[in-house]
Amino acid sequence: MDNKICLALGFFDSVHIGHRKIIASLKDISLKAKATPCAMTFKNNIYGIVKSGSKLIYTFEEREKIFDRLGIKPIAFEFTSEFCNTDRESFLEMLVGEYDIQAFVCGRDFTFGKNRAGNAEYLREYSKKKNILAIIEDDVCISGDRISTTLIKQYLSNGKNLENANKLLGEDYSVSGTVIGGMGRGKSLGFPTANVSIPHEKFLIGEGVYSTDTIVDGIVYKSITNIGPKPTFSEETSTIETYLIGYNGNLYGKEITLVFRRFMRDIIRFSDKNKLINQLEEDKKTRCSE
């Protein structure tokens, strides 16, 4: 990247409204500086190194799309043990040596460098020496709670709290994945579904039936998405299946995106398939009316 940039520092793993406050500040200062607004992020799951077992609300590929919609460019690093052990000054020296940085923007809780020795105040002092503007944004709180990825995950874990999660994310939670073959049971019921395979590192919303939009080749279809088992057929394996209203065509192998609008109902065990079909008809009627 040859031109001047302003750089937002962080992981931006969920691009929530606190992150978006930083991004808004970034875009404002970039406009004044006639520089390209860029945001730091990581290509891989840093939680695999610093917090075993934790997953990402948005994968790197999903974040790339969000950044593009927000009008900023990602500067992505691979988070490795070596990167984790880079001291705070060397980290900043690497950035200013690689890019023509006009300003840094970060949240007040931003830490960096080995053992998290670097913080917002250290960044401010360093930037002053380098004649680089440093903008430190305060946390965003709602009802006394600081907006964080951890809080959003708590909401997503119970799909009935989807509305709260979406409010904190700043847009509706979404899942992108590849359509794979399934049992074909939905088709036999008159409701053909697309089975979606998602990356292992993706944090998935809790089990339930959801009002969704499904994006296929840039076209948005109203849809109903089931996440979880199929107890009516004694299938306990959790899957992601979406029924696209009005779609005709072969979805196998396609990359699609599910946008979660609303929790509709819990997954129910029906005594026979006709009762399930009746419920699916009601679900479809409800989704079409929204």
C-alpha atoms as a PDB file:
ATOM      1  CA  MET A   1       0.000   0.000   0.000  1.00  0.00           C
ATOM      2  CA  ASP A   2       1.763   3.142  -1.258  1.00  0.00           C
ATOM      3  CA  ASN A   3      -0.608   5.908  -0.211  1.00  0.00           C
ATOM      4  CA  LYS A   4      -1.195   7.533   3.160  1.00  0.00           C
ATOM      5  CA  ILE A   5      -3.402   5.640   5.558  1.00  0.00           C
ATOM      6  CA  CYS A   6      -5.127   6.069   8.875  1.00  0.00           C
ATOM      7  CA  LEU A   7      -5.225   2.837  10.861  1.00  0.00           C
ATOM      8  CA  ALA A   8      -7.716   1.514  13.383  1.00  0.00           C
ATOM      9  CA  LEU A   9      -6.044  -0.900  15.778  1.00  0.00           C
ATOM     10  CA  GLY A  10      -7.756  -3.972  17.218  1.00  0.00           C
ATOM     11  CA  PHE A  11      -9.093  -7.366  16.218  1.00  0.00           C
ATOM     12  CA  PHE A  12     -12.639  -6.252  15.268  1.00  0.00           C
ATOM     13  CA  ASP A  13     -13.779  -9.844  15.579  1.00  0.00           C
ATOM     14  CA  SER A  14     -17.481  -8.991  15.649  1.00  0.00           C
ATOM     15  CA  VAL A  15     -17.440  -5.431  14.226  1.00  0.00           C
ATOM     16  CA  HIS A  16     -19.963  -4.452  16.910  1.00  0.00           C
ATOM     17  CA  ILE A  17     -21.239  -0.934  17.607  1.00  0.00           C
ATOM     18  CA  GLY A  18     -18.211  -0.137  19.778  1.00  0.00           C
ATOM     19  CA  HIS A  19     -15.957  -1.097  16.871  1.00  0.00           C
ATOM     20  CA  ARG A  20     -18.169   0.904  14.525  1.00  0.00           C
ATOM     21  CA  LYS A  21     -17.667   3.989  16.681  1.00  0.00           C
ATOM     22  CA  ILE A  22     -13.920   3.566  16.151  1.00  0.00           C
ATOM     23  CA  ILE A  23     -14.473   3.022  12.424  1.00  0.00           C
ATOM     24  CA  ALA A  24     -16.621   6.165  12.158  1.00  0.00           C
ATOM     25  CA  SER A  25     -13.839   8.165  13.826  1.00  0.00           C
ATOM     26  CA  LEU A  26     -11.315   6.518  11.502  1.00  0.00           C
ATOM     27  CA  LYS A  27     -13.267   7.485   8.395  1.00  0.00           C
ATOM     28  CA  ASP A  28     -13.678  11.049   9.617  1.00  0.00           C
ATOM     29  CA  ILE A  29      -9.970  11.597  10.266  1.00  0.00           C
ATOM     30  CA  SER A  30      -9.043   9.783   7.045  1.00  0.00           C
ATOM     31  CA  LEU A  31     -11.196  12.184   5.056  1.00  0.00           C
ATOM     32  CA  LYS A  32      -9.508  15.174   6.690  1.00  0.00           C
ATOM     33  CA  ALA A  33      -6.054  13.682   6.137  1.00  0.00           C
ATOM     34  CA  LYS A  34      -6.860  12.612   2.568  1.00  0.00           C
ATOM     35  CA  ALA A  35      -5.766   9.122   3.545  1.00  0.00           C
ATOM     36  CA  THR A  36      -7.169   5.616   3.079  1.00  0.00           C
ATOM     37  CA  PRO A  37      -9.088   4.324   6.121  1.00  0.00           C
ATOM     38  CA  CYS A  38      -7.736   0.903   7.137  1.00  0.00           C
ATOM     39  CA  ALA A  39      -8.421  -1.470  10.010  1.00  0.00           C
ATOM     40  CA  MET A  40      -6.081  -4.010  11.493  1.00  0.00           C
ATOM     41  CA  THR A  41      -7.389  -7.542  11.940  1.00  0.00           C
ATOM     42  CA  PHE A  42      -6.229 -11.158  11.873  1.00  0.00           C
ATOM     43  CA  LYS A  43      -6.674 -13.831   9.216  1.00  0.00           C
ATOM     44  CA  ASN A  44      -6.838 -16.680  11.698  1.00  0.00           C
ATOM     45  CA  ASN A  45      -8.587 -17.354  14.986  1.00  0.00           C
ATOM     46  CA  ILE A  46      -6.443 -15.717  17.663  1.00  0.00           C
ATOM     47  CA  TYR A  47      -8.509 -17.451  20.347  1.00  0.00           C
ATOM     48  CA  GLY A  48      -6.931 -20.716  19.234  1.00  0.00           C
ATOM     49  CA  ILE A  49      -3.702 -19.369  20.705  1.00  0.00           C
ATOM     50  CA  VAL A  50      -4.725 -17.067  23.553  1.00  0.00           C
ATOM     51  CA  LYS A  51      -8.018 -18.681  24.620  1.00  0.00           C
ATOM     52  CA  SER A  52      -8.396 -22.334  23.712  1.00  0.00           C
ATOM     53  CA  GLY A  53     -11.767 -23.389  22.332  1.00  0.00           C
ATOM     54  CA  SER A  54     -13.279 -19.967  21.687  1.00  0.00           C
ATOM     55  CA  LYS A  55     -14.824 -19.318  18.286  1.00  0.00           C
ATOM     56  CA  LEU A  56     -15.322 -16.248  16.102  1.00  0.00           C
ATOM     57  CA  ILE A  57     -18.608 -14.408  15.647  1.00  0.00           C
ATOM     58  CA  TYR A  58     -17.330 -13.454  12.194  1.00  0.00           C
ATOM     59  CA  THR A  59     -14.649 -15.281  10.265  1.00  0.00           C
ATOM     60  CA  PHE A  60     -11.977 -13.290   8.458  1.00  0.00           C
ATOM     61  CA  GLU A  61     -13.827 -13.704   5.154  1.00  0.00           C
ATOM     62  CA  GLU A  62     -17.043 -12.419   6.739  1.00  0.00           C
ATOM     63  CA  ARG A  63     -15.204  -9.469   8.292  1.00  0.00           C
ATOM     64  CA  GLU A  64     -13.723  -8.600   4.914  1.00  0.00           C
ATOM     65  CA  LYS A  65     -17.240  -8.224   3.508  1.00  0.00           C
ATOM     66  CA  ILE A  66     -18.368  -6.093   6.464  1.00  0.00           C
ATOM     67  CA  PHE A  67     -15.298  -3.849   6.152  1.00  0.00           C
ATOM     68  CA  ASP A  68     -16.035  -3.443   2.454  1.00  0.00           C
ATOM     69  CA  ARG A  69     -19.620  -2.397   3.201  1.00  0.00           C
ATOM     70  CA  LEU A  70     -18.326   0.095   5.781  1.00  0.00           C
ATOM     71  CA  GLY A  71     -15.866   1.568   3.277  1.00  0.00           C
ATOM     72  CA  ILE A  72     -12.590   0.578   4.913  1.00  0.00           C
ATOM     73  CA  LYS A  73      -9.718  -1.718   3.950  1.00  0.00           C
ATOM     74  CA  PRO A  74      -8.403  -4.489   6.219  1.00  0.00           C
ATOM     75  CA  ILE A  75      -4.724  -4.901   7.006  1.00  0.00           C
ATOM     76  CA  ALA A  76      -4.618  -8.517   8.088  1.00  0.00           C
ATOM     77  CA  PHE A  77      -1.939 -10.381   9.991  1.00  0.00           C
ATOM     78  CA  GLU A  78      -1.466 -14.032  10.834  1.00  0.00           C
ATOM     79  CA  PHE A  79      -1.613 -14.361  14.604  1.00  0.00           C
ATOM     80  CA  THR A  80       1.222 -16.673  15.584  1.00  0.00           C
ATOM     81  CA  SER A  81       3.190 -17.358  18.751  1.00  0.00           C
ATOM     82  CA  GLU A  82       5.970 -15.204  17.283  1.00  0.00           C
ATOM     83  CA  PHE A  83       3.554 -12.336  16.661  1.00  0.00           C
ATOM     84  CA  CYS A  84       2.176 -12.744  20.181  1.00  0.00           C
ATOM     85  CA  ASN A  85       5.682 -12.377  21.606  1.00  0.00           C
ATOM     86  CA  THR A  86       6.512  -9.170  19.711  1.00  0.00           C
ATOM     87  CA  ASP A  87       7.147  -6.385  22.213  1.00  0.00           C
ATOM     88  CA  ARG A  88       4.965  -3.293  22.109  1.00  0.00           C
ATOM     89  CA  GLU A  89       7.510  -0.942  20.556  1.00  0.00           C
ATOM     90  CA  SER A  90       8.570  -3.424  17.876  1.00  0.00           C
ATOM     91  CA  PHE A  91       4.944  -3.916  16.927  1.00  0.00           C
ATOM     92  CA  LEU A  92       4.409  -0.199  16.356  1.00  0.00           C
ATOM     93  CA  GLU A  93       7.778   0.167  14.632  1.00  0.00           C
ATOM     94  CA  MET A  94       6.745  -2.587  12.239  1.00  0.00           C
ATOM     95  CA  LEU A  95       3.550  -0.722  11.358  1.00  0.00           C
ATOM     96  CA  VAL A  96       5.114   2.706  10.803  1.00  0.00           C
ATOM     97  CA  GLY A  97       7.971   1.120   8.876  1.00  0.00           C
ATOM     98  CA  GLU A  98       5.564  -0.651   6.536  1.00  0.00           C
ATOM     99  CA  TYR A  99       2.881   2.022   6.076  1.00  0.00           C
ATOM    100  CA  ASP A 100       2.667   5.798   5.754  1.00  0.00           C
ATOM    101  CA  ILE A 101       0.441   6.212   8.803  1.00  0.00           C
ATOM    102  CA  GLN A 102      -1.164   9.605   9.412  1.00  0.00           C
ATOM    103  CA  ALA A 103      -3.237   8.587  12.429  1.00  0.00           C
ATOM    104  CA  PHE A 104      -3.950   5.694  14.751  1.00  0.00           C
ATOM    105  CA  VAL A 105      -7.446   5.119  16.135  1.00  0.00           C
ATOM    106  CA  CYS A 106      -8.283   2.619  18.874  1.00  0.00           C
ATOM    107  CA  GLY A 107     -10.539   1.960  21.831  1.00  0.00           C
ATOM    108  CA  ARG A 108      -9.502   2.867  25.355  1.00  0.00           C
ATOM    109  CA  ASP A 109      -9.208  -0.813  26.296  1.00  0.00           C
ATOM    110  CA  PHE A 110      -6.887  -1.699  23.383  1.00  0.00           C
ATOM    111  CA  THR A 111      -3.772  -3.636  24.409  1.00  0.00           C
ATOM    112  CA  PHE A 112      -0.944  -4.969  22.292  1.00  0.00           C
ATOM    113  CA  GLY A 113       2.537  -6.432  22.397  1.00  0.00           C
ATOM    114  CA  LYS A 114       3.978  -9.199  24.515  1.00  0.00           C
ATOM    115  CA  ASN A 115       2.073  -9.713  27.778  1.00  0.00           C
ATOM    116  CA  ARG A 116      -0.274  -6.912  26.655  1.00  0.00           C
ATOM    117  CA  ALA A 117       2.315  -4.393  27.812  1.00  0.00           C
ATOM    118  CA  GLY A 118       1.132  -1.807  25.294  1.00  0.00           C
ATOM    119  CA  ASN A 119      -2.048   0.175  25.854  1.00  0.00           C
ATOM    120  CA  ALA A 120      -3.815   3.275  24.571  1.00  0.00           C
ATOM    121  CA  GLU A 121      -1.671   5.651  26.609  1.00  0.00           C
ATOM    122  CA  TYR A 122       1.538   4.033  25.400  1.00  0.00           C
ATOM    123  CA  LEU A 123       0.240   4.367  21.833  1.00  0.00           C
ATOM    124  CA  ARG A 124      -0.474   8.058  22.458  1.00  0.00           C
ATOM    125  CA  GLU A 125       3.054   8.666  23.766  1.00  0.00           C
ATOM    126  CA  TYR A 126       4.651   6.736  20.917  1.00  0.00           C
ATOM    127  CA  SER A 127       2.556   8.540  18.310  1.00  0.00           C
ATOM    128  CA  LYS A 128       3.487  11.941  19.719  1.00  0.00           C
ATOM    129  CA  LYS A 129       7.193  11.126  19.236  1.00  0.00           C
ATOM    130  CA  LYS A 130       6.505  10.076  15.640  1.00  0.00           C
ATOM    131  CA  ASN A 131       4.281  13.090  14.913  1.00  0.00           C
ATOM    132  CA  ILE A 132       1.317  10.776  14.252  1.00  0.00           C
ATOM    133  CA  LEU A 133      -2.145  11.636  15.481  1.00  0.00           C
ATOM    134  CA  ALA A 134      -3.586   9.177  18.023  1.00  0.00           C
ATOM    135  CA  ILE A 135      -7.331   9.118  18.646  1.00  0.00           C
ATOM    136  CA  ILE A 136      -8.566   7.103  21.634  1.00  0.00           C
ATOM    137  CA  GLU A 137     -12.282   6.350  21.706  1.00  0.00           C
ATOM    138  CA  ASP A 138     -14.194   5.630  24.911  1.00  0.00           C
ATOM    139  CA  ASP A 139     -16.110   2.367  25.388  1.00  0.00           C
ATOM    140  CA  VAL A 140     -19.707   2.134  24.259  1.00  0.00           C
ATOM    141  CA  CYS A 141     -22.119   1.030  26.997  1.00  0.00           C
ATOM    142  CA  ILE A 142     -25.808   0.143  26.943  1.00  0.00           C
ATOM    143  CA  SER A 143     -27.749  -0.067  30.227  1.00  0.00           C
ATOM    144  CA  GLY A 144     -24.444   0.027  32.078  1.00  0.00           C
ATOM    145  CA  ASP A 145     -22.969  -2.922  30.182  1.00  0.00           C
ATOM    146  CA  ARG A 146     -19.841  -2.410  28.124  1.00  0.00           C
ATOM    147  CA  ILE A 147     -20.369  -3.638  24.583  1.00  0.00           C
ATOM    148  CA  SER A 148     -18.116  -6.618  23.953  1.00  0.00           C
ATOM    149  CA  THR A 149     -17.869  -9.729  21.822  1.00  0.00           C
ATOM    150  CA  THR A 150     -18.266 -11.810  24.990  1.00  0.00           C
ATOM    151  CA  LEU A 151     -21.615 -10.163  25.782  1.00  0.00           C
ATOM    152  CA  ILE A 152     -22.822 -10.656  22.209  1.00  0.00           C
ATOM    153  CA  LYS A 153     -21.902 -14.355  22.356  1.00  0.00           C
ATOM    154  CA  GLN A 154     -23.960 -14.679  25.530  1.00  0.00           C
ATOM    155  CA  TYR A 155     -26.969 -13.292  23.699  1.00  0.00           C
ATOM    156  CA  LEU A 156     -26.411 -15.443  20.617  1.00  0.00           C
ATOM    157  CA  SER A 157     -26.104 -18.606  22.703  1.00  0.00           C
ATOM    158  CA  ASN A 158     -29.820 -18.309  23.384  1.00  0.00           C
ATOM    159  CA  GLY A 159     -31.541 -17.519  20.087  1.00  0.00           C
ATOM    160  CA  LYS A 160     -34.388 -15.832  21.929  1.00  0.00           C
ATOM    161  CA  ASN A 161     -31.916 -13.028  22.656  1.00  0.00           C
ATOM    162  CA  LEU A 162     -31.129 -12.545  18.949  1.00  0.00           C
ATOM    163  CA  GLU A 163     -32.673  -9.063  18.928  1.00  0.00           C
ATOM    164  CA  ASN A 164     -30.296  -7.936  21.672  1.00  0.00           C
ATOM    165  CA  ALA A 165     -27.306  -9.413  19.854  1.00  0.00           C
ATOM    166  CA  ASN A 166     -28.265  -7.713  16.583  1.00  0.00           C
ATOM    167  CA  LYS A 167     -28.636  -4.391  18.358  1.00  0.00           C
ATOM    168  CA  LEU A 168     -25.086  -4.649  19.717  1.00  0.00           C
ATOM    169  CA  LEU A 169     -23.661  -5.897  16.428  1.00  0.00           C
ATOM    170  CA  GLY A 170     -25.058  -2.925  14.552  1.00  0.00           C
ATOM    171  CA  GLU A 171     -26.546  -5.231  11.919  1.00  0.00           C
ATOM    172  CA  ASP A 172     -28.220  -8.622  11.859  1.00  0.00           C
ATOM    173  CA  TYR A 173     -26.019 -11.592  12.724  1.00  0.00           C
ATOM    174  CA  SER A 174     -25.118 -13.675   9.697  1.00  0.00           C
ATOM    175  CA  VAL A 175     -23.551 -16.991   8.760  1.00  0.00           C
ATOM    176  CA  SER A 176     -21.797 -17.747   5.470  1.00  0.00           C
ATOM    177  CA  GLY A 177     -21.138 -21.296   4.326  1.00  0.00           C
ATOM    178  CA  THR A 178     -21.234 -23.851   1.553  1.00  0.00           C
ATOM    179  CA  VAL A 179     -24.354 -25.823   0.609  1.00  0.00           C
ATOM    180  CA  ILE A 180     -23.762 -29.564   0.975  1.00  0.00           C
ATOM    181  CA  GLY A 181     -25.852 -32.660   0.337  1.00  0.00           C
ATOM    182  CA  GLY A 182     -28.357 -33.773   2.951  1.00  0.00           C
ATOM    183  CA  MET A 183     -30.924 -36.496   3.493  1.00  0.00           C
ATOM    184  CA  GLY A 184     -33.446 -34.889   1.138  1.00  0.00           C
ATOM    185  CA  ARG A 185     -36.143 -35.161   3.792  1.00  0.00           C
ATOM    186  CA  GLY A 186     -37.224 -31.537   3.450  1.00  0.00           C
ATOM    187  CA  LYS A 187     -37.886 -32.039  -0.256  1.00  0.00           C
ATOM    188  CA  SER A 188     -40.074 -35.061   0.489  1.00  0.00           C
ATOM    189  CA  LEU A 189     -42.146 -32.851   2.807  1.00  0.00           C
ATOM    190  CA  GLY A 190     -42.570 -30.143   0.181  1.00  0.00           C
ATOM    191  CA  PHE A 191     -40.022 -27.871   1.864  1.00  0.00           C
ATOM    192  CA  PRO A 192     -36.647 -28.470   0.185  1.00  0.00           C
ATOM    193  CA  THR A 193     -33.857 -27.172   2.390  1.00  0.00           C
ATOM    194  CA  ALA A 194     -30.236 -26.272   1.800  1.00  0.00           C
ATOM    195  CA  ASN A 195     -27.845 -27.876   4.271  1.00  0.00           C
ATOM    196  CA  VAL A 196     -25.081 -25.417   5.109  1.00  0.00           C
ATOM    197  CA  SER A 197     -21.545 -26.314   6.166  1.00  0.00           C
ATOM    198  CA  ILE A 198     -19.740 -23.538   8.051  1.00  0.00           C
ATOM    199  CA  PRO A 199     -16.082 -23.125   9.076  1.00  0.00           C
ATOM    200  CA  HIS A 200     -15.076 -24.869  12.300  1.00  0.00           C
ATOM    201  CA  GLU A 201     -14.021 -21.574  13.915  1.00  0.00           C
ATOM    202  CA  LYS A 202     -17.450 -19.943  13.421  1.00  0.00           C
ATOM    203  CA  PHE A 203     -19.496 -19.182  16.556  1.00  0.00           C
ATOM    204  CA  LEU A 204     -23.031 -20.402  15.874  1.00  0.00           C
ATOM    205  CA  ILE A 205     -26.265 -19.060  17.299  1.00  0.00           C
ATOM    206  CA  GLY A 206     -28.278 -21.311  19.634  1.00  0.00           C
ATOM    207  CA  GLU A 207     -30.687 -23.974  18.464  1.00  0.00           C
ATOM    208  CA  GLY A 208     -34.068 -22.929  17.129  1.00  0.00           C
ATOM    209  CA  VAL A 209     -36.124 -21.984  14.087  1.00  0.00           C
ATOM    210  CA  TYR A 210     -35.403 -18.513  12.729  1.00  0.00           C
ATOM    211  CA  SER A 211     -36.831 -15.974  10.332  1.00  0.00           C
ATOM    212  CA  THR A 212     -33.915 -15.317   7.996  1.00  0.00           C
ATOM    213  CA  ASP A 213     -32.888 -13.889   4.665  1.00  0.00           C
ATOM    214  CA  THR A 214     -30.692 -16.074   2.495  1.00  0.00           C
ATOM    215  CA  ILE A 215     -28.385 -14.409  -0.010  1.00  0.00           C
ATOM    216  CA  VAL A 216     -27.594 -16.443  -3.129  1.00  0.00           C
ATOM    217  CA  ASP A 217     -25.507 -14.933  -5.939  1.00  0.00           C
ATOM    218  CA  GLY A 218     -26.327 -11.460  -4.620  1.00  0.00           C
ATOM    219  CA  ILE A 219     -30.097 -12.082  -4.574  1.00  0.00           C
ATOM    220  CA  VAL A 220     -31.983 -12.017  -1.259  1.00  0.00           C
ATOM    221  CA  TYR A 221     -34.675 -14.614  -0.536  1.00  0.00           C
ATOM    222  CA  LYS A 222     -36.932 -14.744   2.480  1.00  0.00           C
ATOM    223  CA  SER A 223     -36.160 -17.961   4.294  1.00  0.00           C
ATOM    224  CA  ILE A 224     -36.717 -20.092   7.381  1.00  0.00           C
ATOM    225  CA  THR A 225     -33.648 -21.591   9.008  1.00  0.00           C
ATOM    226  CA  ASN A 226     -33.488 -24.519  11.419  1.00  0.00           C
ATOM    227  CA  ILE A 227     -30.419 -24.918  13.615  1.00  0.00           C
ATOM    228  CA  GLY A 228     -30.290 -28.086  15.671  1.00  0.00           C
ATOM    229  CA  PRO A 229     -31.498 -31.700  15.568  1.00  0.00           C
ATOM    230  CA  LYS A 230     -34.603 -33.148  13.892  1.00  0.00           C
ATOM    231  CA  PRO A 231     -36.363 -34.874  16.790  1.00  0.00           C
ATOM    232  CA  THR A 232     -39.433 -35.821  14.732  1.00  0.00           C
ATOM    233  CA  PHE A 233     -37.163 -38.184  12.785  1.00  0.00           C
ATOM    234  CA  SER A 234     -35.034 -39.169  15.813  1.00  0.00           C
ATOM    235  CA  GLU A 235     -31.992 -37.392  14.378  1.00  0.00           C
ATOM    236  CA  GLU A 236     -29.945 -35.876  17.179  1.00  0.00           C
ATOM    237  CA  THR A 237     -27.108 -34.495  15.047  1.00  0.00           C
ATOM    238  CA  SER A 238     -27.238 -30.690  14.921  1.00  0.00           C
ATOM    239  CA  THR A 239     -27.385 -29.255  11.409  1.00  0.00           C
ATOM    240  CA  ILE A 240     -28.042 -25.921   9.694  1.00  0.00           C
ATOM    241  CA  GLU A 241     -30.838 -26.068   7.139  1.00  0.00           C
ATOM    242  CA  THR A 242     -32.572 -23.208   5.367  1.00  0.00           C
ATOM    243  CA  TYR A 243     -35.744 -23.194   3.272  1.00  0.00           C
ATOM    244  CA  LEU A 244     -35.656 -20.445   0.625  1.00  0.00           C
ATOM    245  CA  ILE A 245     -39.104 -19.142  -0.266  1.00  0.00           C
ATOM    246  CA  GLY A 246     -39.483 -18.765  -4.029  1.00  0.00           C
ATOM    247  CA  TYR A 247     -36.106 -20.202  -4.991  1.00  0.00           C
ATOM    248  CA  ASN A 248     -35.842 -22.701  -7.819  1.00  0.00           C
ATOM    249  CA  GLY A 249     -32.474 -24.119  -8.725  1.00  0.00           C
ATOM    250  CA  ASN A 250     -29.533 -26.198  -7.615  1.00  0.00           C
ATOM    251  CA  LEU A 251     -27.720 -24.812  -4.588  1.00  0.00           C
ATOM    252  CA  TYR A 252     -25.167 -27.576  -4.097  1.00  0.00           C
ATOM    253  CA  GLY A 253     -21.648 -26.229  -3.813  1.00  0.00           C
ATOM    254  CA  LYS A 254     -22.761 -22.588  -3.682  1.00  0.00           C
ATOM    255  CA  GLU A 255     -21.555 -20.139  -1.045  1.00  0.00           C
ATOM    256  CA  ILE A 256     -24.610 -18.597   0.611  1.00  0.00           C
ATOM    257  CA  THR A 257     -25.188 -16.215   3.514  1.00  0.00           C
ATOM    258  CA  LEU A 258     -27.934 -16.554   6.120  1.00  0.00           C
ATOM    259  CA  VAL A 259     -29.004 -13.316   7.803  1.00  0.00           C
ATOM    260  CA  PHE A 260     -30.828 -13.905  11.083  1.00  0.00           C
ATOM    261  CA  ARG A 261     -33.756 -11.527  11.523  1.00  0.00           C
ATOM    262  CA  ARG A 262     -35.836 -13.025  14.328  1.00  0.00           C
ATOM    263  CA  PHE A 263     -36.246 -16.082  16.541  1.00  0.00           C
ATOM    264  CA  MET A 264     -39.470 -17.832  15.489  1.00  0.00           C
ATOM    265  CA  ARG A 265     -39.837 -20.842  17.757  1.00  0.00           C
ATOM    266  CA  ASP A 266     -38.154 -23.709  19.517  1.00  0.00           C
ATOM    267  CA  ILE A 267     -37.470 -26.986  17.721  1.00  0.00           C
ATOM    268  CA  ILE A 268     -40.416 -29.307  18.380  1.00  0.00           C
ATOM    269  CA  ARG A 269     -40.860 -33.081  18.208  1.00  0.00           C
ATOM    270  CA  PHE A 270     -44.054 -33.799  16.225  1.00  0.00           C
ATOM    271  CA  SER A 271     -46.001 -37.052  16.563  1.00  0.00           C
ATOM    272  CA  ASP A 272     -46.178 -37.480  12.780  1.00  0.00           C
ATOM    273  CA  LYS A 273     -44.882 -35.791   9.644  1.00  0.00           C
ATOM    274  CA  ASN A 274     -48.274 -34.287   8.719  1.00  0.00           C
ATOM    275  CA  LYS A 275     -48.256 -32.197  11.895  1.00  0.00           C
ATOM    276  CA  LEU A 276     -44.728 -31.096  11.004  1.00  0.00           C
ATOM    277  CA  ILE A 277     -45.883 -30.092   7.510  1.00  0.00           C
ATOM    278  CA  ASN A 278     -48.735 -28.064   9.014  1.00  0.00           C
ATOM    279  CA  GLN A 279     -46.265 -26.251  11.273  1.00  0.00           C
ATOM    280  CA  LEU A 280     -43.944 -25.570   8.340  1.00  0.00           C
ATOM    281  CA  GLU A 281     -46.873 -24.103   6.407  1.00  0.00           C
ATOM    282  CA  GLU A 282     -47.592 -21.802   9.351  1.00  0.00           C
ATOM    283  CA  ASP A 283     -43.920 -20.831   9.552  1.00  0.00           C
ATOM    284  CA  LYS A 284     -43.911 -20.026   5.832  1.00  0.00           C
ATOM    285  CA  LYS A 285     -47.078 -17.944   6.118  1.00  0.00           C
ATOM    286  CA  THR A 286     -45.547 -16.005   9.013  1.00  0.00           C
ATOM    287  CA  ARG A 287     -42.262 -15.397   7.189  1.00  0.00           C
ATOM    288  CA  CYS A 288     -44.005 -14.272   3.993  1.00  0.00           C
ATOM    289  CA  SER A 289     -46.062 -11.735   5.954  1.00  0.00           C
ATOM    290  CA  GLU A 290     -43.006 -10.070   7.513  1.00  0.00           C
END
